[in-house]
Amino acid sequence: MEISDADWSVDKKGTWLNLLGNHAEIVNICKKIDPNKRYTVTIKEERNHRSLDANAYAWKLINKLAVKLQTTSEKEITEEEIYRQYIPDIGDNFEMMLVKDENQKKICDIWHSKGTGWVTNVLAPSKDHEGYSWVRFYYGSSMFDTKQMSRLIDFIIDDCKKNGIEILPPDKIQAMKEGWN
């Protein structure tokens, strides 16, 4: 539900969180509340999501890169590998966690199962907690905001230019980026 303002009030029952939003959505949510159950609420800042056109274009370029790199290299490289290589460079798209070494593979595998771009990077054993290591858990592009997705496309375009792969004119690329707003 989108909310445009919040306030609080106090009465004999306790402190209330008041949210300003769409009347029908609020009424629908309130009807579903069972007073005999406990609930949790999460409020997140609204983020612009990538456009499907921009995402499709990114994957089209990644495919062209994979084909080009396979013809110029002895090593076969997949589209997924190319995509994953960009993820750590995006910025502000990871969580750092201390993970028990014996559970590391299982936890990383669970993270990877969320999608192609959900990658991990095991950094170093903890100096303060024996048997634990620090791991970076990177979010895939499905979680990217407009700026992050824009950086991903810019990275892909830079690599395409370096490899002589034709790209769309800058104004069309910019229009795709602006399509997220």
N, C-alpha and C. Protein backbone atom coordinates (compact mmCIF):
# COMPACT_ATOMS: atom_id res chain seq x y z
N MET A 1 0.85 -1.18 0.00
CA MET A 1 0.00 0.00 0.00
C MET A 1 0.89 1.23 0.00
N GLU A 2 0.58 2.19 -0.81
CA GLU A 2 1.31 3.45 -0.82
C GLU A 2 0.76 4.36 0.27
N ILE A 3 1.67 4.98 1.01
CA ILE A 3 1.25 5.96 2.02
C ILE A 3 1.93 7.28 1.72
N SER A 4 1.24 8.38 2.01
CA SER A 4 1.79 9.70 1.72
C SER A 4 2.11 10.50 2.97
N ASP A 5 1.67 10.02 4.12
CA ASP A 5 1.97 10.73 5.36
C ASP A 5 1.70 9.79 6.53
N ALA A 6 2.29 10.11 7.66
CA ALA A 6 2.08 9.29 8.86
C ALA A 6 2.01 10.21 10.07
N ASP A 7 1.30 9.74 11.08
CA ASP A 7 1.15 10.49 12.32
C ASP A 7 0.88 9.46 13.42
N TRP A 8 0.80 9.91 14.65
CA TRP A 8 0.48 9.02 15.75
C TRP A 8 -0.48 9.72 16.69
N SER A 9 -1.20 8.89 17.44
CA SER A 9 -2.13 9.44 18.42
C SER A 9 -2.18 8.49 19.61
N VAL A 10 -2.69 8.99 20.73
CA VAL A 10 -2.77 8.19 21.96
C VAL A 10 -4.19 8.28 22.49
N ASP A 11 -4.72 7.14 22.90
CA ASP A 11 -6.00 7.12 23.59
C ASP A 11 -5.92 6.08 24.70
N LYS A 12 -7.06 5.72 25.30
CA LYS A 12 -7.03 4.80 26.44
C LYS A 12 -6.56 3.40 26.07
N LYS A 13 -6.63 3.02 24.77
CA LYS A 13 -6.15 1.71 24.34
C LYS A 13 -4.63 1.67 24.16
N GLY A 14 -4.03 2.82 23.86
CA GLY A 14 -2.59 2.86 23.64
C GLY A 14 -2.21 3.87 22.56
N THR A 15 -1.04 3.66 21.99
CA THR A 15 -0.51 4.55 20.95
C THR A 15 -0.82 3.95 19.58
N TRP A 16 -1.32 4.81 18.70
CA TRP A 16 -1.74 4.38 17.36
C TRP A 16 -0.82 4.98 16.30
N LEU A 17 -0.56 4.18 15.26
CA LEU A 17 0.14 4.67 14.09
C LEU A 17 -0.92 4.97 13.05
N ASN A 18 -0.98 6.21 12.58
CA ASN A 18 -1.96 6.62 11.58
C ASN A 18 -1.26 6.81 10.24
N LEU A 19 -1.78 6.15 9.21
CA LEU A 19 -1.19 6.25 7.88
C LEU A 19 -2.18 6.86 6.91
N LEU A 20 -1.72 7.78 6.10
CA LEU A 20 -2.56 8.41 5.09
C LEU A 20 -2.33 7.69 3.77
N GLY A 21 -3.41 7.12 3.24
CA GLY A 21 -3.30 6.37 1.98
C GLY A 21 -4.66 6.23 1.34
N ASN A 22 -4.75 5.29 0.43
CA ASN A 22 -5.98 5.04 -0.29
C ASN A 22 -7.03 4.45 0.65
N HIS A 23 -8.21 5.07 0.70
CA HIS A 23 -9.26 4.67 1.63
C HIS A 23 -9.64 3.19 1.48
N ALA A 24 -9.87 2.75 0.24
CA ALA A 24 -10.30 1.37 0.01
C ALA A 24 -9.23 0.37 0.46
N GLU A 25 -7.97 0.67 0.20
CA GLU A 25 -6.89 -0.24 0.62
C GLU A 25 -6.81 -0.32 2.14
N ILE A 26 -6.94 0.81 2.80
CA ILE A 26 -6.86 0.84 4.26
C ILE A 26 -8.02 0.06 4.88
N VAL A 27 -9.22 0.28 4.37
CA VAL A 27 -10.39 -0.43 4.88
C VAL A 27 -10.22 -1.94 4.66
N ASN A 28 -9.72 -2.33 3.50
CA ASN A 28 -9.50 -3.75 3.19
C ASN A 28 -8.50 -4.38 4.16
N ILE A 29 -7.43 -3.69 4.46
CA ILE A 29 -6.44 -4.20 5.41
C ILE A 29 -7.06 -4.33 6.81
N CYS A 30 -7.77 -3.31 7.24
CA CYS A 30 -8.38 -3.33 8.58
C CYS A 30 -9.39 -4.46 8.73
N LYS A 31 -10.10 -4.80 7.67
CA LYS A 31 -11.07 -5.90 7.72
C LYS A 31 -10.38 -7.25 7.93
N LYS A 32 -9.14 -7.35 7.49
CA LYS A 32 -8.40 -8.62 7.59
C LYS A 32 -7.74 -8.82 8.95
N ILE A 33 -7.69 -7.77 9.77
CA ILE A 33 -7.02 -7.85 11.07
C ILE A 33 -7.89 -8.64 12.05
N ASP A 34 -7.32 -9.68 12.61
CA ASP A 34 -7.99 -10.48 13.65
C ASP A 34 -7.45 -10.00 14.99
N PRO A 35 -8.29 -9.43 15.87
CA PRO A 35 -7.81 -8.89 17.14
C PRO A 35 -7.19 -9.95 18.06
N ASN A 36 -7.39 -11.22 17.75
CA ASN A 36 -6.81 -12.29 18.57
C ASN A 36 -5.43 -12.74 18.07
N LYS A 37 -4.94 -12.11 17.01
CA LYS A 37 -3.63 -12.46 16.46
C LYS A 37 -2.70 -11.25 16.54
N ARG A 38 -1.40 -11.56 16.52
CA ARG A 38 -0.38 -10.50 16.50
C ARG A 38 0.15 -10.35 15.08
N TYR A 39 0.49 -9.13 14.69
CA TYR A 39 0.98 -8.85 13.34
C TYR A 39 2.25 -8.02 13.42
N THR A 40 3.02 -8.07 12.34
CA THR A 40 4.16 -7.17 12.18
C THR A 40 3.93 -6.35 10.93
N VAL A 41 4.45 -5.15 10.92
CA VAL A 41 4.30 -4.25 9.78
C VAL A 41 5.68 -3.78 9.36
N THR A 42 5.92 -3.74 8.06
CA THR A 42 7.17 -3.23 7.52
C THR A 42 6.84 -2.04 6.64
N ILE A 43 7.55 -0.94 6.84
CA ILE A 43 7.38 0.24 6.01
C ILE A 43 8.71 0.49 5.32
N LYS A 44 8.68 0.54 3.99
CA LYS A 44 9.89 0.75 3.22
C LYS A 44 9.71 1.96 2.32
N GLU A 45 10.81 2.64 2.05
CA GLU A 45 10.78 3.75 1.11
C GLU A 45 10.46 3.20 -0.28
N GLU A 46 9.57 3.88 -0.97
CA GLU A 46 9.21 3.45 -2.32
C GLU A 46 10.41 3.62 -3.24
N ARG A 47 10.66 2.61 -4.05
CA ARG A 47 11.79 2.65 -4.98
C ARG A 47 11.26 2.49 -6.39
N ASN A 48 11.90 3.18 -7.30
CA ASN A 48 11.56 3.01 -8.71
C ASN A 48 12.15 1.69 -9.19
N HIS A 49 11.36 0.90 -9.86
CA HIS A 49 11.83 -0.38 -10.38
C HIS A 49 12.25 -0.22 -11.83
N ARG A 50 13.12 -1.08 -12.25
CA ARG A 50 13.63 -1.04 -13.61
C ARG A 50 12.50 -1.31 -14.60
N SER A 51 12.66 -0.79 -15.78
CA SER A 51 11.67 -1.08 -16.81
C SER A 51 12.03 -2.40 -17.46
N LEU A 52 11.02 -3.09 -17.97
CA LEU A 52 11.27 -4.36 -18.65
C LEU A 52 12.08 -4.13 -19.91
N ASP A 53 11.89 -2.98 -20.58
CA ASP A 53 12.67 -2.67 -21.77
C ASP A 53 14.15 -2.57 -21.43
N ALA A 54 14.47 -1.89 -20.35
CA ALA A 54 15.87 -1.73 -19.95
C ALA A 54 16.46 -3.07 -19.56
N ASN A 55 15.70 -3.88 -18.86
CA ASN A 55 16.18 -5.20 -18.45
C ASN A 55 16.41 -6.08 -19.68
N ALA A 56 15.48 -6.06 -20.61
CA ALA A 56 15.62 -6.86 -21.83
C ALA A 56 16.84 -6.39 -22.64
N TYR A 57 17.04 -5.09 -22.69
CA TYR A 57 18.19 -4.56 -23.42
C TYR A 57 19.50 -4.97 -22.76
N ALA A 58 19.53 -4.93 -21.43
CA ALA A 58 20.74 -5.34 -20.70
C ALA A 58 21.08 -6.79 -21.04
N TRP A 59 20.08 -7.66 -21.02
CA TRP A 59 20.33 -9.08 -21.32
C TRP A 59 20.69 -9.29 -22.79
N LYS A 60 20.14 -8.49 -23.69
CA LYS A 60 20.51 -8.59 -25.11
C LYS A 60 21.99 -8.26 -25.27
N LEU A 61 22.46 -7.19 -24.60
CA LEU A 61 23.87 -6.82 -24.68
C LEU A 61 24.77 -7.86 -24.02
N ILE A 62 24.32 -8.39 -22.89
CA ILE A 62 25.10 -9.43 -22.21
C ILE A 62 25.25 -10.65 -23.13
N ASN A 63 24.19 -10.99 -23.85
CA ASN A 63 24.26 -12.11 -24.81
C ASN A 63 25.29 -11.82 -25.89
N LYS A 64 25.27 -10.60 -26.44
CA LYS A 64 26.24 -10.23 -27.46
C LYS A 64 27.67 -10.29 -26.92
N LEU A 65 27.85 -9.85 -25.68
CA LEU A 65 29.16 -9.92 -25.05
C LEU A 65 29.62 -11.37 -24.91
N ALA A 66 28.72 -12.23 -24.48
CA ALA A 66 29.07 -13.65 -24.30
C ALA A 66 29.51 -14.26 -25.63
N VAL A 67 28.78 -13.97 -26.69
CA VAL A 67 29.12 -14.50 -28.01
C VAL A 67 30.49 -13.98 -28.45
N LYS A 68 30.70 -12.68 -28.27
CA LYS A 68 31.97 -12.06 -28.67
C LYS A 68 33.13 -12.64 -27.86
N LEU A 69 32.96 -12.75 -26.56
CA LEU A 69 34.04 -13.25 -25.70
C LEU A 69 34.34 -14.72 -25.98
N GLN A 70 33.32 -15.48 -26.34
CA GLN A 70 33.54 -16.90 -26.65
C GLN A 70 34.33 -17.07 -27.95
N THR A 71 34.17 -16.15 -28.87
CA THR A 71 34.90 -16.25 -30.14
C THR A 71 36.33 -15.74 -30.03
N THR A 72 36.61 -14.91 -29.02
CA THR A 72 37.96 -14.35 -28.87
C THR A 72 38.73 -14.97 -27.72
N SER A 73 38.14 -15.92 -27.02
CA SER A 73 38.78 -16.52 -25.86
C SER A 73 38.74 -18.03 -25.95
N GLU A 74 39.71 -18.66 -25.34
CA GLU A 74 39.71 -20.13 -25.30
C GLU A 74 38.71 -20.64 -24.27
N LYS A 75 38.40 -19.81 -23.28
CA LYS A 75 37.49 -20.20 -22.20
C LYS A 75 36.06 -19.81 -22.56
N GLU A 76 35.14 -20.75 -22.39
CA GLU A 76 33.73 -20.44 -22.62
C GLU A 76 33.18 -19.67 -21.43
N ILE A 77 32.48 -18.60 -21.71
CA ILE A 77 31.88 -17.79 -20.64
C ILE A 77 30.39 -17.63 -20.94
N THR A 78 29.56 -17.84 -19.93
CA THR A 78 28.12 -17.77 -20.13
C THR A 78 27.60 -16.36 -19.85
N GLU A 79 26.38 -16.12 -20.31
CA GLU A 79 25.71 -14.85 -20.01
C GLU A 79 25.60 -14.64 -18.50
N GLU A 80 25.25 -15.71 -17.79
CA GLU A 80 25.07 -15.62 -16.34
C GLU A 80 26.37 -15.23 -15.64
N GLU A 81 27.49 -15.78 -16.10
CA GLU A 81 28.78 -15.44 -15.50
C GLU A 81 29.12 -13.97 -15.73
N ILE A 82 28.85 -13.49 -16.93
CA ILE A 82 29.10 -12.07 -17.24
C ILE A 82 28.25 -11.19 -16.33
N TYR A 83 26.97 -11.50 -16.25
CA TYR A 83 26.04 -10.73 -15.41
C TYR A 83 26.52 -10.72 -13.95
N ARG A 84 26.88 -11.88 -13.43
CA ARG A 84 27.31 -11.96 -12.02
C ARG A 84 28.57 -11.15 -11.75
N GLN A 85 29.43 -11.01 -12.75
CA GLN A 85 30.66 -10.24 -12.56
C GLN A 85 30.38 -8.76 -12.31
N TYR A 86 29.27 -8.25 -12.82
CA TYR A 86 28.93 -6.84 -12.63
C TYR A 86 28.37 -6.56 -11.23
N ILE A 87 27.70 -7.50 -10.64
CA ILE A 87 26.93 -7.28 -9.42
C ILE A 87 27.74 -6.63 -8.29
N PRO A 88 28.95 -7.13 -7.96
CA PRO A 88 29.69 -6.51 -6.85
C PRO A 88 30.12 -5.06 -7.11
N ASP A 89 30.14 -4.64 -8.38
CA ASP A 89 30.59 -3.28 -8.71
C ASP A 89 29.48 -2.24 -8.67
N ILE A 90 28.24 -2.66 -8.48
CA ILE A 90 27.10 -1.75 -8.54
C ILE A 90 27.11 -0.75 -7.38
N GLY A 91 27.40 -1.23 -6.18
CA GLY A 91 27.43 -0.35 -5.00
C GLY A 91 26.13 -0.35 -4.23
N ASP A 92 26.25 -0.35 -2.93
CA ASP A 92 25.11 -0.30 -2.01
C ASP A 92 24.09 -1.39 -2.30
N ASN A 93 24.59 -2.61 -2.55
CA ASN A 93 23.69 -3.72 -2.87
C ASN A 93 24.10 -5.01 -2.16
N PHE A 94 24.61 -4.88 -0.93
CA PHE A 94 25.01 -6.10 -0.22
C PHE A 94 24.82 -5.95 1.28
N GLU A 95 24.81 -7.09 1.93
CA GLU A 95 24.79 -7.18 3.39
C GLU A 95 26.04 -7.95 3.80
N MET A 96 26.66 -7.53 4.89
CA MET A 96 27.80 -8.26 5.45
C MET A 96 27.30 -9.08 6.63
N MET A 97 27.66 -10.36 6.66
CA MET A 97 27.24 -11.20 7.77
C MET A 97 28.37 -12.12 8.20
N LEU A 98 28.37 -12.39 9.48
CA LEU A 98 29.30 -13.35 10.05
C LEU A 98 28.64 -14.72 9.99
N VAL A 99 29.28 -15.67 9.30
CA VAL A 99 28.67 -16.97 9.05
C VAL A 99 29.58 -18.07 9.62
N LYS A 100 28.95 -19.00 10.30
CA LYS A 100 29.68 -20.14 10.84
C LYS A 100 30.24 -20.94 9.66
N ASP A 101 31.56 -21.23 9.70
CA ASP A 101 32.22 -21.88 8.57
C ASP A 101 31.55 -23.17 8.15
N GLU A 102 31.11 -23.98 9.10
CA GLU A 102 30.50 -25.27 8.75
C GLU A 102 29.14 -25.11 8.05
N ASN A 103 28.52 -23.94 8.18
CA ASN A 103 27.21 -23.69 7.54
C ASN A 103 27.33 -22.81 6.29
N GLN A 104 28.54 -22.38 6.00
CA GLN A 104 28.76 -21.39 4.94
C GLN A 104 28.23 -21.84 3.59
N LYS A 105 28.54 -23.05 3.15
CA LYS A 105 28.10 -23.51 1.83
C LYS A 105 26.57 -23.55 1.75
N LYS A 106 25.93 -24.09 2.77
CA LYS A 106 24.47 -24.20 2.77
C LYS A 106 23.82 -22.82 2.72
N ILE A 107 24.33 -21.90 3.52
CA ILE A 107 23.74 -20.55 3.57
C ILE A 107 23.97 -19.82 2.26
N CYS A 108 25.16 -19.95 1.70
CA CYS A 108 25.44 -19.30 0.41
C CYS A 108 24.58 -19.92 -0.70
N ASP A 109 24.40 -21.23 -0.68
CA ASP A 109 23.55 -21.88 -1.68
C ASP A 109 22.10 -21.38 -1.59
N ILE A 110 21.61 -21.19 -0.39
CA ILE A 110 20.26 -20.66 -0.21
C ILE A 110 20.17 -19.25 -0.81
N TRP A 111 21.18 -18.44 -0.56
CA TRP A 111 21.22 -17.07 -1.10
C TRP A 111 21.23 -17.12 -2.63
N HIS A 112 22.09 -17.98 -3.20
CA HIS A 112 22.20 -18.08 -4.66
C HIS A 112 20.89 -18.52 -5.30
N SER A 113 20.08 -19.29 -4.57
CA SER A 113 18.83 -19.81 -5.12
C SER A 113 17.78 -18.71 -5.34
N LYS A 114 18.02 -17.52 -4.82
CA LYS A 114 17.07 -16.42 -4.98
C LYS A 114 17.07 -15.86 -6.40
N GLY A 115 18.16 -16.10 -7.15
CA GLY A 115 18.23 -15.61 -8.53
C GLY A 115 19.65 -15.59 -9.04
N THR A 116 19.78 -15.38 -10.34
CA THR A 116 21.08 -15.42 -11.00
C THR A 116 22.08 -14.43 -10.41
N GLY A 117 21.61 -13.23 -10.07
CA GLY A 117 22.51 -12.19 -9.60
C GLY A 117 22.74 -12.16 -8.10
N TRP A 118 22.16 -13.09 -7.38
CA TRP A 118 22.33 -13.13 -5.93
C TRP A 118 23.62 -13.89 -5.63
N VAL A 119 24.72 -13.14 -5.55
CA VAL A 119 26.04 -13.74 -5.40
C VAL A 119 26.60 -13.48 -4.01
N THR A 120 27.60 -14.27 -3.67
CA THR A 120 28.26 -14.12 -2.37
C THR A 120 29.76 -14.00 -2.58
N ASN A 121 30.40 -13.41 -1.60
CA ASN A 121 31.84 -13.28 -1.61
C ASN A 121 32.34 -13.53 -0.19
N VAL A 122 33.01 -14.67 0.02
CA VAL A 122 33.57 -14.98 1.33
C VAL A 122 34.84 -14.16 1.48
N LEU A 123 34.89 -13.32 2.51
CA LEU A 123 35.99 -12.38 2.64
C LEU A 123 37.15 -12.95 3.46
N ALA A 124 36.95 -13.13 4.73
CA ALA A 124 38.06 -13.58 5.58
C ALA A 124 37.51 -14.17 6.87
N PRO A 125 38.30 -15.06 7.47
CA PRO A 125 37.89 -15.57 8.78
C PRO A 125 37.83 -14.43 9.80
N SER A 126 36.89 -14.54 10.71
CA SER A 126 36.76 -13.54 11.76
C SER A 126 37.93 -13.64 12.74
N LYS A 127 38.47 -12.52 13.11
CA LYS A 127 39.55 -12.50 14.10
C LYS A 127 38.99 -12.64 15.51
N ASP A 128 37.75 -12.27 15.71
CA ASP A 128 37.14 -12.28 17.03
C ASP A 128 36.27 -13.50 17.32
N HIS A 129 35.86 -14.21 16.27
CA HIS A 129 34.96 -15.36 16.43
C HIS A 129 35.53 -16.55 15.69
N GLU A 130 36.17 -17.45 16.41
CA GLU A 130 36.79 -18.62 15.80
C GLU A 130 35.73 -19.51 15.15
N GLY A 131 36.04 -19.97 13.93
CA GLY A 131 35.11 -20.85 13.22
C GLY A 131 34.06 -20.09 12.42
N TYR A 132 34.20 -18.77 12.33
CA TYR A 132 33.27 -17.93 11.58
C TYR A 132 34.05 -17.10 10.55
N SER A 133 33.37 -16.78 9.45
CA SER A 133 33.97 -15.93 8.42
C SER A 133 32.99 -14.84 8.02
N TRP A 134 33.54 -13.73 7.53
CA TRP A 134 32.72 -12.65 7.01
C TRP A 134 32.36 -12.95 5.56
N VAL A 135 31.07 -12.77 5.24
CA VAL A 135 30.59 -13.03 3.88
C VAL A 135 29.77 -11.83 3.43
N ARG A 136 30.01 -11.40 2.18
CA ARG A 136 29.17 -10.39 1.56
C ARG A 136 28.09 -11.10 0.76
N PHE A 137 26.85 -10.72 1.01
CA PHE A 137 25.70 -11.26 0.30
C PHE A 137 25.15 -10.15 -0.60
N TYR A 138 25.37 -10.30 -1.90
CA TYR A 138 24.95 -9.28 -2.87
C TYR A 138 23.54 -9.56 -3.37
N TYR A 139 22.75 -8.49 -3.46
CA TYR A 139 21.41 -8.58 -4.03
C TYR A 139 21.49 -8.55 -5.55
N GLY A 140 20.62 -9.30 -6.20
CA GLY A 140 20.55 -9.28 -7.65
C GLY A 140 19.79 -8.06 -8.15
N SER A 141 19.78 -7.88 -9.45
CA SER A 141 19.20 -6.67 -10.04
C SER A 141 17.70 -6.56 -9.84
N SER A 142 17.03 -7.64 -9.46
CA SER A 142 15.59 -7.54 -9.18
C SER A 142 15.33 -6.62 -7.99
N MET A 143 16.36 -6.38 -7.19
CA MET A 143 16.22 -5.49 -6.03
C MET A 143 16.79 -4.10 -6.28
N PHE A 144 17.34 -3.85 -7.48
CA PHE A 144 18.00 -2.58 -7.76
C PHE A 144 17.02 -1.44 -7.88
N ASP A 145 17.44 -0.27 -7.42
CA ASP A 145 16.68 0.94 -7.67
C ASP A 145 17.14 1.51 -9.02
N THR A 146 16.59 2.64 -9.39
CA THR A 146 16.89 3.24 -10.69
C THR A 146 18.38 3.50 -10.87
N LYS A 147 19.03 4.06 -9.87
CA LYS A 147 20.45 4.40 -9.98
C LYS A 147 21.30 3.15 -10.14
N GLN A 148 20.99 2.12 -9.39
CA GLN A 148 21.76 0.89 -9.47
C GLN A 148 21.59 0.21 -10.83
N MET A 149 20.36 0.14 -11.32
CA MET A 149 20.12 -0.48 -12.62
C MET A 149 20.79 0.34 -13.72
N SER A 150 20.78 1.64 -13.57
CA SER A 150 21.43 2.51 -14.53
C SER A 150 22.94 2.24 -14.57
N ARG A 151 23.55 2.07 -13.40
CA ARG A 151 24.98 1.74 -13.35
C ARG A 151 25.25 0.39 -14.01
N LEU A 152 24.38 -0.59 -13.77
CA LEU A 152 24.56 -1.90 -14.40
C LEU A 152 24.56 -1.76 -15.93
N ILE A 153 23.60 -1.04 -16.46
CA ILE A 153 23.53 -0.85 -17.91
C ILE A 153 24.76 -0.11 -18.41
N ASP A 154 25.21 0.90 -17.66
CA ASP A 154 26.41 1.63 -18.07
C ASP A 154 27.64 0.73 -18.11
N PHE A 155 27.79 -0.16 -17.13
CA PHE A 155 28.91 -1.11 -17.13
C PHE A 155 28.86 -2.01 -18.36
N ILE A 156 27.67 -2.52 -18.65
CA ILE A 156 27.50 -3.42 -19.79
C ILE A 156 27.82 -2.68 -21.09
N ILE A 157 27.32 -1.46 -21.22
CA ILE A 157 27.57 -0.66 -22.43
C ILE A 157 29.06 -0.38 -22.59
N ASP A 158 29.74 -0.04 -21.51
CA ASP A 158 31.19 0.21 -21.58
C ASP A 158 31.93 -1.02 -22.11
N ASP A 159 31.57 -2.20 -21.62
CA ASP A 159 32.22 -3.42 -22.08
C ASP A 159 31.87 -3.71 -23.54
N CYS A 160 30.65 -3.41 -23.95
CA CYS A 160 30.27 -3.60 -25.34
C CYS A 160 31.09 -2.69 -26.25
N LYS A 161 31.23 -1.44 -25.84
CA LYS A 161 32.04 -0.50 -26.63
C LYS A 161 33.48 -0.98 -26.76
N LYS A 162 34.05 -1.47 -25.67
CA LYS A 162 35.43 -1.97 -25.68
C LYS A 162 35.59 -3.17 -26.61
N ASN A 163 34.50 -3.90 -26.81
CA ASN A 163 34.55 -5.10 -27.64
C ASN A 163 33.94 -4.90 -29.03
N GLY A 164 33.70 -3.65 -29.39
CA GLY A 164 33.20 -3.35 -30.72
C GLY A 164 31.78 -3.80 -30.99
N ILE A 165 30.99 -3.88 -29.95
CA ILE A 165 29.59 -4.30 -30.09
C ILE A 165 28.72 -3.06 -30.22
N GLU A 166 27.86 -3.08 -31.22
CA GLU A 166 27.00 -1.93 -31.49
C GLU A 166 25.95 -1.78 -30.39
N ILE A 167 25.72 -0.53 -29.98
CA ILE A 167 24.72 -0.23 -28.96
C ILE A 167 23.74 0.80 -29.50
N LEU A 168 22.65 0.97 -28.79
CA LEU A 168 21.66 1.98 -29.17
C LEU A 168 22.25 3.38 -29.01
N PRO A 169 21.68 4.37 -29.70
CA PRO A 169 22.13 5.75 -29.51
C PRO A 169 21.88 6.20 -28.06
N PRO A 170 22.73 7.11 -27.55
CA PRO A 170 22.61 7.56 -26.15
C PRO A 170 21.23 8.06 -25.76
N ASP A 171 20.51 8.74 -26.68
CA ASP A 171 19.19 9.27 -26.32
C ASP A 171 18.19 8.14 -26.06
N LYS A 172 18.29 7.03 -26.81
CA LYS A 172 17.38 5.90 -26.58
C LYS A 172 17.71 5.19 -25.27
N ILE A 173 18.99 5.09 -24.97
CA ILE A 173 19.41 4.47 -23.69
C ILE A 173 18.92 5.32 -22.53
N GLN A 174 19.08 6.64 -22.66
CA GLN A 174 18.62 7.55 -21.61
C GLN A 174 17.11 7.45 -21.42
N ALA A 175 16.38 7.32 -22.52
CA ALA A 175 14.91 7.21 -22.42
C ALA A 175 14.53 5.94 -21.66
N MET A 176 15.26 4.84 -21.88
CA MET A 176 14.97 3.61 -21.15
C MET A 176 15.21 3.82 -19.64
N LYS A 177 16.31 4.49 -19.32
CA LYS A 177 16.64 4.74 -17.92
C LYS A 177 15.56 5.61 -17.26
N GLU A 178 15.11 6.61 -18.00
CA GLU A 178 14.08 7.51 -17.47
C GLU A 178 12.72 6.83 -17.37
N GLY A 179 12.55 5.73 -18.08
CA GLY A 179 11.31 4.98 -18.04
C GLY A 179 11.02 4.38 -16.68
N TRP A 180 12.01 4.39 -15.80
CA TRP A 180 11.82 3.85 -14.46
C TRP A 180 11.06 4.81 -13.57
N ASN A 181 10.95 6.08 -13.95
CA ASN A 181 10.37 7.07 -13.04
C ASN A 181 8.86 7.04 -13.07
